[in-house]
């Protein structure tokens, strides 16, 4: 009886506890699994008053199973919450990243918009579109761009295999003695025939000179000679100037000033003589440039109103030929180019360095062409002269220099000889002067080594 009462009591207590729990849930509507666990834990404590009763144990087992099931569901919800939270976090990150990328893209687009856009043009993968191009001049710009593209392509094709230079600012093929203009480019297949009478000029100028002009924008222009085109704007005092690196619109005054810089006519060309004051002044300025103040065997000095070119060797070694270009300013001569004797393409090298230099000043012969034969037969020539009784020994010789099959000898008694190898032996021709020797040497053919003759 007692056990039955106790059993009924505990069942009632369990039911009462459960009723309180569900009432609490209905009222408070707990939102977290922790509240549910706390309530479930209190219920377990109430149910665990006496574990002797089998029914209680069974009930406890049922409650435990229910609790485990509910805890699993709650854990599942927690896991789901964590996953969803992680997913939301990732989504937030992605959204943030996308937002940042969009902001960067806007920023990049702004920066790109500020950078001049590109278009394909002559001799270059791309070239800046000039923002100040007048849309009304589109036809003129198309002409200028087409001509400069053809000119650049021609320059690329022929610069290394021909002597393409600037002559008074215009592109010129020195090997063919032809001005590279629209007529020539059409003739050579580089330009469409419709541009032949466009009056667009093909120029070869220093990029630095053009870059400094008002109204011109150039990007990445070469430091040396660069191909440009120039076209007069109709009914305006302006020119369009275009290149593979950009261009612009310049005033006629700026265009004319630019072209004056490349004028190669500086007056008549003359040869200086050893007894002239200017001759000795130029030699003195070369001495100052070298800083050695040595004696020279001068071969030739020529000049116009701006430049002079001198060929000489130190008296200690007649075979050490040197060439200099000097520029005159306010009566003072300055060496502006040394080492010409090392240049295989002398005209092109000088033109690139000094675009306004008159190439007619250069000698017809090239020291470089004879560099491997200078003075290599000197001893043979002297020995044979001694054997033939022309000299008693090398002490009789004041000067000797030769290249290839030709030598010039000046004895201390001022008797002069021109020696020539005639396929079997050396023959010696006595000459009256250095000018007489030059004339005879020129008579043997073209490109004679006139630099072997001492200018005395």
Protein backbone atom coordinates (compact mmCIF):
# COMPACT_ATOMS: atom_id res chain seq x y z
CA UNK A 1 0.00 0.00 0.00
CA UNK A 2 2.77 2.33 0.95
CA UNK A 3 4.61 1.58 -2.20
CA UNK A 4 1.51 2.23 -4.25
CA UNK A 5 0.93 5.57 -2.55
CA UNK A 6 4.55 6.52 -3.00
CA UNK A 7 4.41 5.47 -6.58
CA UNK A 8 1.25 7.50 -7.19
CA UNK A 9 2.80 10.44 -5.44
CA UNK A 10 5.83 10.37 -7.60
CA UNK A 11 3.74 10.03 -10.74
CA UNK A 12 1.69 13.04 -9.69
CA UNK A 13 4.88 14.95 -8.87
CA UNK A 14 6.28 14.07 -12.26
CA UNK A 15 3.10 15.15 -14.03
CA UNK A 16 2.99 18.36 -12.01
CA UNK A 17 6.59 19.09 -12.85
CA UNK A 18 5.92 18.51 -16.55
CA UNK A 19 2.87 20.79 -16.41
CA UNK A 20 4.93 23.55 -14.85
CA UNK A 21 7.59 23.08 -17.55
CA UNK A 22 5.17 23.35 -20.49
CA UNK A 23 3.36 26.27 -18.88
CA UNK A 24 6.64 28.02 -18.49
CA UNK A 25 7.47 27.34 -22.18
CA UNK A 26 4.11 28.70 -23.29
CA UNK A 27 4.49 31.85 -21.24
CA UNK A 28 8.14 32.63 -21.73
CA UNK A 29 8.64 31.07 -25.18
CA UNK A 30 12.35 30.40 -24.61
CA UNK A 31 14.42 31.04 -27.75
CA UNK A 32 17.62 29.33 -26.84
CA UNK A 33 18.50 25.73 -26.27
CA UNK A 34 20.14 26.71 -22.96
CA UNK A 35 16.75 27.61 -21.40
CA UNK A 36 15.33 24.31 -22.53
CA UNK A 37 18.30 22.44 -21.13
CA UNK A 38 17.95 24.18 -17.76
CA UNK A 39 14.28 23.30 -17.53
CA UNK A 40 14.97 19.74 -18.60
CA UNK A 41 17.73 19.48 -16.01
CA UNK A 42 15.35 20.62 -13.22
CA UNK A 43 12.86 18.02 -14.35
CA UNK A 44 15.49 15.34 -14.20
CA UNK A 45 16.35 16.35 -10.64
CA UNK A 46 12.69 16.02 -9.58
CA UNK A 47 12.37 12.70 -11.27
CA UNK A 48 15.52 11.37 -9.63
CA UNK A 49 14.20 11.50 -6.02
CA UNK A 50 13.93 7.71 -5.78
CA UNK A 51 15.55 5.46 -8.30
CA UNK A 52 14.36 2.27 -6.69
CA UNK A 53 11.01 2.23 -8.46
CA UNK A 54 11.04 0.42 -11.82
CA UNK A 55 8.36 2.63 -13.27
CA UNK A 56 10.31 5.72 -12.32
CA UNK A 57 13.35 4.21 -13.88
CA UNK A 58 11.37 3.52 -17.01
CA UNK A 59 9.97 7.04 -16.94
CA UNK A 60 13.41 8.40 -16.38
CA UNK A 61 14.60 6.39 -19.34
CA UNK A 62 11.83 7.85 -21.48
CA UNK A 63 12.62 11.36 -20.30
CA UNK A 64 16.31 10.83 -20.92
CA UNK A 65 15.59 9.58 -24.40
CA UNK A 66 13.35 12.54 -25.03
CA UNK A 67 15.99 14.87 -23.66
CA UNK A 68 18.65 13.30 -25.87
CA UNK A 69 16.35 13.62 -28.85
CA UNK A 70 15.60 17.23 -28.04
CA UNK A 71 19.30 17.98 -27.38
CA UNK A 72 20.16 16.44 -30.74
CA UNK A 73 17.54 18.60 -32.37
CA UNK A 74 18.90 21.63 -30.55
CA UNK A 75 22.48 20.71 -31.44
CA UNK A 76 21.34 20.29 -35.00
CA UNK A 77 19.74 23.71 -34.86
CA UNK A 78 22.91 25.12 -33.30
CA UNK A 79 25.01 23.53 -36.01
CA UNK A 80 22.62 24.81 -38.62
CA UNK A 81 22.83 28.25 -37.05
CA UNK A 82 26.62 28.11 -37.06
CA UNK A 83 26.67 26.97 -40.68
CA UNK A 84 24.17 29.61 -41.68
CA UNK A 85 26.07 32.18 -39.67
CA UNK A 86 29.28 31.14 -41.43
CA UNK A 87 27.47 31.26 -44.72
CA UNK A 88 26.11 34.68 -43.93
CA UNK A 89 29.57 35.83 -42.87
CA UNK A 90 31.00 34.54 -46.14
CA UNK A 91 28.17 36.20 -48.01
CA UNK A 92 28.93 39.42 -46.17
CA UNK A 93 32.59 39.03 -47.02
CA UNK A 94 31.78 38.33 -50.65
CA UNK A 95 29.40 41.27 -50.69
CA UNK A 96 32.08 43.45 -49.11
CA UNK A 97 34.68 42.15 -51.54
CA UNK A 98 32.32 42.70 -54.47
CA UNK A 99 31.60 46.17 -53.21
CA UNK A 100 35.30 46.90 -52.91
CA UNK A 101 35.96 45.48 -56.37
CA UNK A 102 33.20 47.62 -57.76
CA UNK A 103 34.75 50.64 -56.07
CA UNK A 104 38.16 49.68 -57.45
CA UNK A 105 36.68 49.20 -60.89
CA UNK A 106 35.16 52.64 -60.72
CA UNK A 107 38.50 54.02 -59.57
CA UNK A 108 40.35 52.12 -62.30
CA UNK A 109 37.90 53.33 -64.91
CA UNK A 110 38.41 56.89 -63.71
CA UNK A 111 42.18 56.45 -63.99
CA UNK A 112 41.87 54.84 -67.42
CA UNK A 113 39.65 57.68 -68.58
CA UNK A 114 42.39 60.12 -67.56
CA UNK A 115 45.06 58.23 -69.52
CA UNK A 116 45.14 59.08 -73.25
CA UNK A 117 43.64 56.22 -75.22
CA UNK A 118 45.60 54.47 -77.94
CA UNK A 119 45.30 53.90 -81.64
CA UNK A 120 47.49 51.94 -84.00
CA UNK A 121 49.90 54.05 -85.97
CA UNK A 122 53.13 53.91 -87.92
CA UNK A 123 56.15 52.10 -86.58
CA UNK A 124 54.62 51.57 -83.16
CA UNK A 125 52.05 49.29 -81.53
CA UNK A 126 50.15 52.24 -80.15
CA UNK A 127 50.22 55.99 -79.93
CA UNK A 128 48.49 58.55 -77.75
CA UNK A 129 45.35 60.12 -79.14
CA UNK A 130 45.82 63.81 -78.60
CA UNK A 131 42.95 65.18 -76.58
CA UNK A 132 43.23 68.60 -78.20
CA UNK A 133 42.62 67.35 -81.73
CA UNK A 134 39.96 69.48 -83.33
CA UNK A 135 37.15 67.20 -84.62
CA UNK A 136 36.70 69.61 -87.52
CA UNK A 137 40.20 68.68 -88.71
CA UNK A 138 39.57 64.95 -88.83
CA UNK A 139 40.31 64.84 -92.58
CA UNK A 140 43.63 66.62 -92.08
CA UNK A 141 44.55 64.38 -89.14
CA UNK A 142 43.79 61.28 -91.19
CA UNK A 143 46.14 62.54 -93.89
CA UNK A 144 48.91 63.37 -91.42
CA UNK A 145 48.56 60.01 -89.63
CA UNK A 146 48.57 58.04 -92.88
CA UNK A 147 51.64 59.84 -94.21
CA UNK A 148 53.62 59.47 -90.98
CA UNK A 149 52.71 55.78 -90.82
CA UNK A 150 54.08 55.28 -94.33
CA UNK A 151 57.16 57.35 -93.52
CA UNK A 152 57.86 55.42 -90.32
CA UNK A 153 57.50 52.08 -92.08
CA UNK A 154 59.87 53.20 -94.83
CA UNK A 155 62.36 54.46 -92.24
CA UNK A 156 62.24 51.14 -90.37
CA UNK A 157 62.79 49.23 -93.60
CA UNK A 158 65.64 51.28 -95.01
CA UNK A 159 67.51 52.85 -92.11
CA UNK A 160 69.83 49.88 -91.58
CA UNK A 161 70.40 49.05 -95.25
CA UNK A 162 70.53 52.52 -96.76
CA UNK A 163 71.67 55.97 -95.73
CA UNK A 164 68.38 57.55 -94.63
CA UNK A 165 69.09 60.91 -93.02
CA UNK A 166 67.51 64.25 -92.27
CA UNK A 167 68.31 66.95 -94.80
CA UNK A 168 67.21 70.40 -93.69
CA UNK A 169 64.62 68.65 -91.52
CA UNK A 170 63.15 66.47 -94.27
CA UNK A 171 63.64 62.73 -94.60
CA UNK A 172 66.20 62.00 -97.29
CA UNK A 173 67.69 58.85 -98.82
CA UNK A 174 71.32 59.80 -99.28
CA UNK A 175 72.16 56.54 -101.05
CA UNK A 176 69.63 57.34 -103.77
CA UNK A 177 69.87 61.13 -103.50
CA UNK A 178 66.09 61.28 -103.16
CA UNK A 179 63.83 63.28 -100.91
CA UNK A 180 61.46 60.93 -99.12
CA UNK A 181 58.18 62.75 -99.74
CA UNK A 182 54.63 61.65 -100.54
CA UNK A 183 55.54 61.20 -104.22
CA UNK A 184 58.43 58.92 -103.33
CA UNK A 185 56.40 56.93 -100.76
CA UNK A 186 53.62 56.38 -103.30
CA UNK A 187 56.20 55.41 -105.91
CA UNK A 188 57.74 52.86 -103.54
CA UNK A 189 54.35 51.40 -102.58
CA UNK A 190 54.29 52.69 -98.99
CA UNK A 191 51.45 55.19 -99.38
CA UNK A 192 48.08 55.22 -101.10
CA UNK A 193 48.00 57.27 -104.28
CA UNK A 194 45.23 59.52 -102.92
CA UNK A 195 47.77 61.22 -100.63
CA UNK A 196 50.31 62.05 -103.34
CA UNK A 197 49.16 65.67 -103.70
CA UNK A 198 48.23 66.21 -100.06
CA UNK A 199 51.12 68.67 -99.48
CA UNK A 200 51.93 66.74 -96.30
CA UNK A 201 55.64 66.85 -95.47
CA UNK A 202 57.68 63.89 -94.21
CA UNK A 203 60.10 65.11 -91.55
CA UNK A 204 62.96 63.56 -89.60
CA UNK A 205 63.54 65.59 -86.45
CA UNK A 206 64.82 65.24 -82.92
CA UNK A 207 61.88 64.26 -80.75
CA UNK A 208 63.09 66.53 -77.97
CA UNK A 209 62.79 69.59 -80.24
CA UNK A 210 59.18 68.80 -81.13
CA UNK A 211 58.17 67.73 -77.64
CA UNK A 212 58.93 71.18 -76.25
CA UNK A 213 56.53 72.97 -78.61
CA UNK A 214 53.28 74.40 -77.28
CA UNK A 215 50.29 72.34 -78.34
CA UNK A 216 52.23 69.10 -78.81
CA UNK A 217 51.92 65.97 -76.69
CA UNK A 218 54.35 63.10 -77.24
CA UNK A 219 54.65 59.93 -75.18
CA UNK A 220 57.76 57.72 -75.10
CA UNK A 221 59.40 59.51 -77.99
CA UNK A 222 62.92 58.42 -78.91
CA UNK A 223 65.74 60.72 -77.86
CA UNK A 224 67.20 60.68 -81.38
CA UNK A 225 65.78 61.38 -84.81
CA UNK A 226 62.08 60.61 -85.12
CA UNK A 227 59.72 60.51 -88.10
CA UNK A 228 57.04 63.22 -88.20
CA UNK A 229 54.53 64.47 -90.72
CA UNK A 230 53.44 68.09 -91.03
CA UNK A 231 50.38 69.52 -92.78
CA UNK A 232 49.30 73.13 -93.06
CA UNK A 233 45.79 73.72 -91.69
CA UNK A 234 43.66 75.36 -94.38
CA UNK A 235 42.87 79.03 -93.81
CA UNK A 236 44.74 79.05 -90.50
CA UNK A 237 48.21 80.07 -89.41
CA UNK A 238 48.82 76.62 -87.97
CA UNK A 239 50.28 73.21 -88.76
CA UNK A 240 49.27 69.72 -87.76
CA UNK A 241 52.27 67.65 -86.71
CA UNK A 242 51.96 63.90 -86.19
CA UNK A 243 54.20 60.98 -85.24
CA UNK A 244 54.01 57.46 -83.87
CA UNK A 245 54.24 58.98 -80.39
CA UNK A 246 51.53 61.63 -80.64
CA UNK A 247 51.42 65.12 -82.07
CA UNK A 248 49.47 68.31 -81.94
CA UNK A 249 48.75 71.64 -83.56
CA UNK A 250 51.46 74.30 -83.64
CA UNK A 251 51.68 77.81 -84.97
CA UNK A 252 53.32 78.54 -88.29
CA UNK A 253 55.92 80.62 -86.44
CA UNK A 254 56.87 77.62 -84.26
CA UNK A 255 56.97 75.37 -87.31
CA UNK A 256 59.30 77.73 -89.17
CA UNK A 257 61.54 78.16 -86.12
CA UNK A 258 61.70 74.41 -85.77
CA UNK A 259 62.78 73.88 -89.37
CA UNK A 260 65.44 76.61 -89.11
CA UNK A 261 67.23 74.48 -86.51
CA UNK A 262 67.84 71.85 -89.18
CA UNK A 263 69.11 74.17 -91.88
CA UNK A 264 72.41 72.69 -93.07
CA UNK A 265 73.52 75.63 -95.19
CA UNK A 266 76.02 77.58 -93.10
CA UNK A 267 77.90 79.25 -95.89
CA UNK A 268 80.44 78.17 -98.47
CA UNK A 269 82.76 75.24 -97.77
CA UNK A 270 86.49 75.84 -97.93
CA UNK A 271 89.74 74.14 -97.11
CA UNK A 272 92.13 75.73 -94.66
CA UNK A 273 95.86 75.90 -95.38
CA UNK A 274 98.60 75.26 -92.85
CA UNK A 275 99.84 78.84 -92.91
CA UNK A 276 96.46 80.35 -91.93
CA UNK A 277 95.68 81.59 -88.43
CA UNK A 278 92.33 79.76 -88.28
CA UNK A 279 94.07 76.50 -89.17
CA UNK A 280 96.42 76.83 -86.21
CA UNK A 281 93.59 77.95 -83.89
CA UNK A 282 91.57 74.83 -84.69
CA UNK A 283 94.58 72.61 -84.02
CA UNK A 284 95.08 74.41 -80.70
CA UNK A 285 91.46 73.80 -79.67
CA UNK A 286 91.88 70.10 -80.48
CA UNK A 287 94.99 70.12 -78.32
CA UNK A 288 92.97 71.67 -75.50
CA UNK A 289 90.25 69.05 -75.95
CA UNK A 290 92.77 66.21 -75.75
CA UNK A 291 94.68 67.85 -72.92
CA UNK A 292 97.99 66.50 -74.21
CA UNK A 293 99.41 69.46 -76.14
CA UNK A 294 101.29 67.21 -78.53
CA UNK A 295 102.43 67.78 -82.09
CA UNK A 296 100.18 66.58 -84.91
CA UNK A 297 100.51 65.43 -88.48
CA UNK A 298 97.44 67.25 -89.81
CA UNK A 299 95.97 65.77 -93.00
CA UNK A 300 93.06 68.03 -93.79
CA UNK A 301 90.86 70.76 -92.27
CA UNK A 302 87.65 71.92 -93.94
CA UNK A 303 84.99 74.30 -92.65
CA UNK A 304 81.87 76.30 -93.37
CA UNK A 305 80.37 79.13 -91.34
CA UNK A 306 79.50 76.93 -88.36
CA UNK A 307 81.41 73.62 -88.36
CA UNK A 308 84.89 72.36 -89.13
CA UNK A 309 86.21 68.82 -89.60
CA UNK A 310 89.83 67.93 -88.99
CA UNK A 311 91.75 64.72 -89.74
CA UNK A 312 95.12 64.22 -88.08
CA UNK A 313 97.38 61.91 -86.11
CA UNK A 314 99.87 62.48 -83.31
CA UNK A 315 103.41 63.00 -84.57
CA UNK A 316 104.47 60.06 -82.40
CA UNK A 317 102.33 57.62 -84.42
CA UNK A 318 101.30 58.54 -87.96
CA UNK A 319 99.03 55.49 -88.16
CA UNK A 320 96.82 56.63 -85.30
CA UNK A 321 94.31 58.55 -87.41
CA UNK A 322 91.77 60.70 -85.59
CA UNK A 323 88.87 62.79 -86.82
CA UNK A 324 87.05 65.62 -85.06
CA UNK A 325 84.11 67.90 -85.74
CA UNK A 326 84.30 71.31 -84.14
CA UNK A 327 81.58 73.92 -83.77
CA UNK A 328 82.22 77.64 -83.76
CA UNK A 329 80.40 79.99 -81.41
CA UNK A 330 81.43 83.60 -80.91
CA UNK A 331 84.87 82.91 -82.38
CA UNK A 332 85.54 79.94 -80.11
CA UNK A 333 85.90 76.42 -81.52
CA UNK A 334 84.64 73.48 -79.49
CA UNK A 335 85.01 69.78 -80.28
CA UNK A 336 81.45 68.44 -80.55
CA UNK A 337 82.16 65.04 -82.10
CA UNK A 338 85.30 62.93 -81.72
CA UNK A 339 86.05 59.44 -82.96
CA UNK A 340 84.62 59.73 -86.44
CA UNK A 341 87.30 57.34 -87.66
CA UNK A 342 85.48 54.54 -85.79
CA UNK A 343 82.16 54.99 -87.61
CA UNK A 344 81.36 52.50 -90.41
CA UNK A 345 78.46 54.66 -91.64
CA UNK A 346 79.93 58.07 -91.11
CA UNK A 347 77.22 60.20 -92.76
CA UNK A 348 74.41 58.54 -90.82
CA UNK A 349 76.29 58.73 -87.52
CA UNK A 350 77.13 62.43 -87.90
CA UNK A 351 73.64 63.28 -89.12
CA UNK A 352 72.09 61.62 -86.10
CA UNK A 353 74.40 63.44 -83.71
CA UNK A 354 74.42 66.81 -85.51
CA UNK A 355 71.30 67.07 -87.72
CA UNK A 356 72.22 70.54 -88.99
CA UNK A 357 75.76 69.54 -90.02
CA UNK A 358 76.38 69.90 -93.76
CA UNK A 359 77.46 66.42 -94.82
CA UNK A 360 79.27 67.91 -97.80
CA UNK A 361 81.97 68.86 -95.31
CA UNK A 362 82.82 65.20 -94.80
CA UNK A 363 85.67 63.80 -96.91
CA UNK A 364 84.91 61.44 -99.77
CA UNK A 365 87.01 58.72 -98.13
CA UNK A 366 86.41 56.81 -94.91
CA UNK A 367 89.16 56.04 -92.42
CA UNK A 368 87.07 53.15 -91.12
CA UNK A 369 87.19 51.42 -94.51
CA UNK A 370 91.00 51.19 -94.25
CA UNK A 371 91.37 50.64 -90.52
CA UNK A 372 92.86 47.14 -90.90
CA UNK A 373 95.50 48.12 -93.44
CA UNK A 374 96.93 51.36 -92.03
CA UNK A 375 100.77 51.20 -91.89
CA UNK A 376 100.92 47.40 -92.05
CA UNK A 377 103.47 47.56 -94.94
CA UNK A 378 105.49 50.49 -93.58
CA UNK A 379 108.67 48.50 -92.90
CA UNK A 380 108.57 46.84 -96.32
CA UNK A 381 108.25 50.23 -98.01
CA UNK A 382 111.20 51.69 -96.07
CA UNK A 383 113.45 48.65 -96.64
CA UNK A 384 112.83 48.75 -100.37
CA UNK A 385 113.47 52.50 -100.46
CA UNK A 386 116.81 51.90 -98.75
CA UNK A 387 117.66 49.07 -101.16
CA UNK A 388 116.91 51.33 -104.12
CA UNK A 389 119.06 54.13 -102.73
CA UNK A 390 116.21 56.57 -102.14
CA UNK A 391 117.16 56.82 -98.47
CA UNK A 392 120.19 55.75 -96.44
CA UNK A 393 117.99 54.70 -93.54
CA UNK A 394 114.82 55.48 -91.60
CA UNK A 395 116.52 58.52 -90.07
CA UNK A 396 116.13 60.25 -93.42
CA UNK A 397 112.35 60.03 -93.15
CA UNK A 398 110.32 62.78 -91.50
CA UNK A 399 106.91 61.30 -92.25
CA UNK A 400 105.45 58.06 -93.60
CA UNK A 401 101.88 56.79 -93.59
CA UNK A 402 100.00 54.38 -95.77
CA UNK A 403 96.88 52.26 -96.15
CA UNK A 404 96.04 49.43 -98.49
CA UNK A 405 98.43 49.62 -101.50
CA UNK A 406 99.43 53.28 -101.10
CA UNK A 407 102.01 55.18 -98.99
CA UNK A 408 103.09 58.76 -98.73
CA UNK A 409 106.65 59.55 -97.64
CA UNK A 410 108.22 62.92 -96.81
CA UNK A 411 111.96 63.02 -96.30
CA UNK A 412 113.68 65.47 -94.02
CA UNK A 413 115.06 67.24 -97.05
CA UNK A 414 111.40 67.73 -98.10
CA UNK A 415 111.58 65.36 -101.08
CA UNK A 416 108.20 63.63 -101.31
CA UNK A 417 107.19 60.24 -102.71
CA UNK A 418 103.96 58.42 -103.38
CA UNK A 419 104.46 54.65 -103.20
CA UNK A 420 102.06 52.26 -104.90
CA UNK A 421 102.02 48.47 -104.99
CA UNK A 422 101.50 47.40 -108.61
CA UNK A 423 100.59 43.73 -108.01
CA UNK A 424 104.25 42.57 -107.94
CA UNK A 425 106.31 45.23 -106.19
CA UNK A 426 106.33 48.74 -104.77
CA UNK A 427 106.91 51.59 -107.17
CA UNK A 428 107.93 55.08 -106.01
CA UNK A 429 106.74 58.26 -107.69
CA UNK A 430 108.30 61.56 -106.69
CA UNK A 431 105.69 64.33 -106.28
CA UNK A 432 106.04 68.08 -106.07
CA UNK A 433 103.75 68.66 -103.12
CA UNK A 434 101.03 67.17 -101.01
CA UNK A 435 98.46 68.54 -103.46
CA UNK A 436 100.26 66.86 -106.31
CA UNK A 437 100.21 63.59 -104.33
CA UNK A 438 96.46 63.93 -103.74
CA UNK A 439 95.81 64.48 -107.43
CA UNK A 440 97.83 61.43 -108.43
CA UNK A 441 96.25 59.30 -105.74
CA UNK A 442 92.75 60.29 -106.87
CA UNK A 443 93.73 59.23 -110.36
CA UNK A 444 94.02 55.61 -109.25
CA UNK A 445 90.30 55.26 -108.57
CA UNK A 446 87.47 56.13 -106.20
CA UNK A 447 87.64 56.13 -102.41
CA UNK A 448 91.40 56.52 -102.26
CA UNK A 449 92.92 56.88 -98.75
CA UNK A 450 93.75 60.58 -99.02
CA UNK A 451 94.17 60.74 -95.24
CA UNK A 452 97.67 59.25 -95.67
CA UNK A 453 98.93 62.55 -97.15
CA UNK A 454 100.43 65.01 -94.71
CA UNK A 455 99.06 68.52 -95.18
CA UNK A 456 102.44 70.24 -95.53
